[in-house]
Amino acid sequence: MNSQKAINKDLILRERLAIQRTILANQSTFLSFLRTSMYFLIAGLSLKNVLKIENSITIEIVLFSFSGIILLIGILNYFKHKKSILENEKHIGDYQLNYYE
């Protein structure tokens, strides 16, 4: 019985560490979406100064739109996965002992 508790504690620790890695991966993914969104925003802001194109306002609006869409997708993706992670976190613990008794 004592070895079963030690194994169970190792399993719980491993599962908790996996949850932490998943949370960090979710945050990293959100920051990647944010970075890409900022690239499009900066491209839209600097387009008029770098290139002398007629109707550059149309291209700027398109780049600003892409920036907003990418940011919105990143935010939605982050909260969707955060909710999923929190829902699955309740399975960590000694719930498995109920099946072995």
C-alpha atoms as a PDB file:
ATOM      1  CA  MET A   1       0.000   0.000   0.000  1.00  0.00           C
ATOM      2  CA  ASN A   2       2.889   2.370   0.797  1.00  0.00           C
ATOM      3  CA  SER A   3       4.440   1.900  -2.639  1.00  0.00           C
ATOM      4  CA  GLN A   4       1.059   2.592  -4.217  1.00  0.00           C
ATOM      5  CA  LYS A   5       0.913   5.979  -2.444  1.00  0.00           C
ATOM      6  CA  ALA A   6       4.436   6.829  -3.652  1.00  0.00           C
ATOM      7  CA  ILE A   7       3.514   5.936  -7.201  1.00  0.00           C
ATOM      8  CA  ASN A   8       0.323   7.941  -6.896  1.00  0.00           C
ATOM      9  CA  LYS A   9       2.248  11.018  -5.649  1.00  0.00           C
ATOM     10  CA  ASP A  10       4.682  10.715  -8.567  1.00  0.00           C
ATOM     11  CA  LEU A  11       1.741  10.455 -10.945  1.00  0.00           C
ATOM     12  CA  ILE A  12       0.083  13.533  -9.450  1.00  0.00           C
ATOM     13  CA  LEU A  13       3.334  15.520  -9.664  1.00  0.00           C
ATOM     14  CA  ARG A  14       3.847  14.470 -13.287  1.00  0.00           C
ATOM     15  CA  GLU A  15       0.275  15.453 -14.149  1.00  0.00           C
ATOM     16  CA  ARG A  16       0.619  18.832 -12.401  1.00  0.00           C
ATOM     17  CA  LEU A  17       3.861  19.534 -14.260  1.00  0.00           C
ATOM     18  CA  ALA A  18       2.169  18.596 -17.526  1.00  0.00           C
ATOM     19  CA  ILE A  19      -0.646  21.047 -16.750  1.00  0.00           C
ATOM     20  CA  GLN A  20       1.906  23.784 -16.038  1.00  0.00           C
ATOM     21  CA  ARG A  21       3.677  23.105 -19.341  1.00  0.00           C
ATOM     22  CA  THR A  22       0.347  23.226 -21.138  1.00  0.00           C
ATOM     23  CA  ILE A  23      -0.523  26.565 -19.507  1.00  0.00           C
ATOM     24  CA  LEU A  24       2.860  27.993 -20.499  1.00  0.00           C
ATOM     25  CA  ALA A  25       2.435  26.716 -24.054  1.00  0.00           C
ATOM     26  CA  ASN A  26      -0.993  28.371 -24.227  1.00  0.00           C
ATOM     27  CA  GLN A  27       0.496  31.680 -23.031  1.00  0.00           C
ATOM     28  CA  SER A  28       3.350  31.386 -25.515  1.00  0.00           C
ATOM     29  CA  THR A  29       0.892  30.783 -28.336  1.00  0.00           C
ATOM     30  CA  PHE A  30      -1.095  33.869 -27.335  1.00  0.00           C
ATOM     31  CA  LEU A  31       2.079  35.955 -27.333  1.00  0.00           C
ATOM     32  CA  SER A  32       2.858  34.667 -30.827  1.00  0.00           C
ATOM     33  CA  PHE A  33      -0.564  35.801 -32.022  1.00  0.00           C
ATOM     34  CA  LEU A  34       0.023  39.172 -30.352  1.00  0.00           C
ATOM     35  CA  ARG A  35       3.449  39.546 -31.978  1.00  0.00           C
ATOM     36  CA  THR A  36       2.074  38.741 -35.419  1.00  0.00           C
ATOM     37  CA  SER A  37      -0.768  41.188 -34.899  1.00  0.00           C
ATOM     38  CA  MET A  38       1.715  43.901 -33.930  1.00  0.00           C
ATOM     39  CA  TYR A  39       3.762  43.203 -37.079  1.00  0.00           C
ATOM     40  CA  PHE A  40       0.708  43.824 -39.239  1.00  0.00           C
ATOM     41  CA  LEU A  41      -0.127  46.961 -37.240  1.00  0.00           C
ATOM     42  CA  ILE A  42       3.390  48.357 -37.623  1.00  0.00           C
ATOM     43  CA  ALA A  43       3.380  47.507 -41.322  1.00  0.00           C
ATOM     44  CA  GLY A  44       0.138  49.449 -41.723  1.00  0.00           C
ATOM     45  CA  LEU A  45       1.458  52.426 -39.774  1.00  0.00           C
ATOM     46  CA  SER A  46       4.759  52.648 -41.623  1.00  0.00           C
ATOM     47  CA  LEU A  47       3.445  51.957 -45.127  1.00  0.00           C
ATOM     48  CA  LYS A  48       2.748  55.599 -45.936  1.00  0.00           C
ATOM     49  CA  ASN A  49       6.228  56.727 -44.867  1.00  0.00           C
ATOM     50  CA  VAL A  50       8.180  53.954 -46.587  1.00  0.00           C
ATOM     51  CA  LEU A  51       6.383  53.567 -49.906  1.00  0.00           C
ATOM     52  CA  LYS A  52       4.942  56.340 -52.030  1.00  0.00           C
ATOM     53  CA  ILE A  53       1.919  54.485 -53.396  1.00  0.00           C
ATOM     54  CA  GLU A  54      -1.336  56.045 -54.429  1.00  0.00           C
ATOM     55  CA  ASN A  55      -4.314  54.733 -52.495  1.00  0.00           C
ATOM     56  CA  SER A  56      -2.022  53.435 -49.771  1.00  0.00           C
ATOM     57  CA  ILE A  57      -4.884  54.038 -47.350  1.00  0.00           C
ATOM     58  CA  THR A  58      -6.602  50.937 -48.767  1.00  0.00           C
ATOM     59  CA  ILE A  59      -3.559  48.785 -48.064  1.00  0.00           C
ATOM     60  CA  GLU A  60      -3.268  50.324 -44.587  1.00  0.00           C
ATOM     61  CA  ILE A  61      -6.895  49.481 -43.821  1.00  0.00           C
ATOM     62  CA  VAL A  62      -6.342  45.895 -44.999  1.00  0.00           C
ATOM     63  CA  LEU A  63      -3.256  45.547 -42.788  1.00  0.00           C
ATOM     64  CA  PHE A  64      -5.070  47.072 -39.802  1.00  0.00           C
ATOM     65  CA  SER A  65      -7.962  44.680 -40.411  1.00  0.00           C
ATOM     66  CA  PHE A  66      -5.629  41.674 -40.527  1.00  0.00           C
ATOM     67  CA  SER A  67      -4.007  42.903 -37.318  1.00  0.00           C
ATOM     68  CA  GLY A  68      -7.358  43.119 -35.542  1.00  0.00           C
ATOM     69  CA  ILE A  69      -8.542  39.767 -36.857  1.00  0.00           C
ATOM     70  CA  ILE A  70      -5.335  38.004 -35.806  1.00  0.00           C
ATOM     71  CA  LEU A  71      -5.500  39.586 -32.355  1.00  0.00           C
ATOM     72  CA  LEU A  72      -9.145  38.563 -31.951  1.00  0.00           C
ATOM     73  CA  ILE A  73      -8.400  34.992 -33.041  1.00  0.00           C
ATOM     74  CA  GLY A  74      -5.481  34.876 -30.580  1.00  0.00           C
ATOM     75  CA  ILE A  75      -7.635  36.091 -27.689  1.00  0.00           C
ATOM     76  CA  LEU A  76     -10.439  33.644 -28.485  1.00  0.00           C
ATOM     77  CA  ASN A  77      -7.955  30.792 -28.885  1.00  0.00           C
ATOM     78  CA  TYR A  78      -6.287  31.630 -25.556  1.00  0.00           C
ATOM     79  CA  PHE A  79      -9.512  31.678 -23.548  1.00  0.00           C
ATOM     80  CA  LYS A  80     -10.899  28.567 -25.266  1.00  0.00           C
ATOM     81  CA  HIS A  81      -7.800  26.565 -24.379  1.00  0.00           C
ATOM     82  CA  LYS A  82      -7.583  28.088 -20.893  1.00  0.00           C
ATOM     83  CA  LYS A  83     -11.141  26.904 -20.203  1.00  0.00           C
ATOM     84  CA  SER A  84     -10.304  23.439 -21.515  1.00  0.00           C
ATOM     85  CA  ILE A  85      -7.172  23.250 -19.344  1.00  0.00           C
ATOM     86  CA  LEU A  86      -9.089  24.255 -16.215  1.00  0.00           C
ATOM     87  CA  GLU A  87     -11.852  21.724 -16.946  1.00  0.00           C
ATOM     88  CA  ASN A  88      -9.324  18.912 -17.332  1.00  0.00           C
ATOM     89  CA  GLU A  89      -7.314  19.926 -14.266  1.00  0.00           C
ATOM     90  CA  LYS A  90     -10.016  18.523 -11.969  1.00  0.00           C
ATOM     91  CA  HIS A  91      -9.006  15.001 -13.067  1.00  0.00           C
ATOM     92  CA  ILE A  92      -5.669  15.306 -11.270  1.00  0.00           C
ATOM     93  CA  GLY A  93      -5.450  13.599  -7.926  1.00  0.00           C
ATOM     94  CA  ASP A  94      -6.155  10.261  -6.373  1.00  0.00           C
ATOM     95  CA  TYR A  95      -9.373   9.697  -8.298  1.00  0.00           C
ATOM     96  CA  GLN A  96      -7.759   6.589  -9.790  1.00  0.00           C
ATOM     97  CA  LEU A  97      -7.680   4.919  -6.383  1.00  0.00           C
ATOM     98  CA  ASN A  98     -11.459   4.577  -6.563  1.00  0.00           C
ATOM     99  CA  TYR A  99     -11.069   2.173  -9.482  1.00  0.00           C
ATOM    100  CA  TYR A 100      -8.472   0.011  -7.767  1.00  0.00           C
ATOM    101  CA  GLU A 101     -10.315  -0.483  -4.476  1.00  0.00           C
END
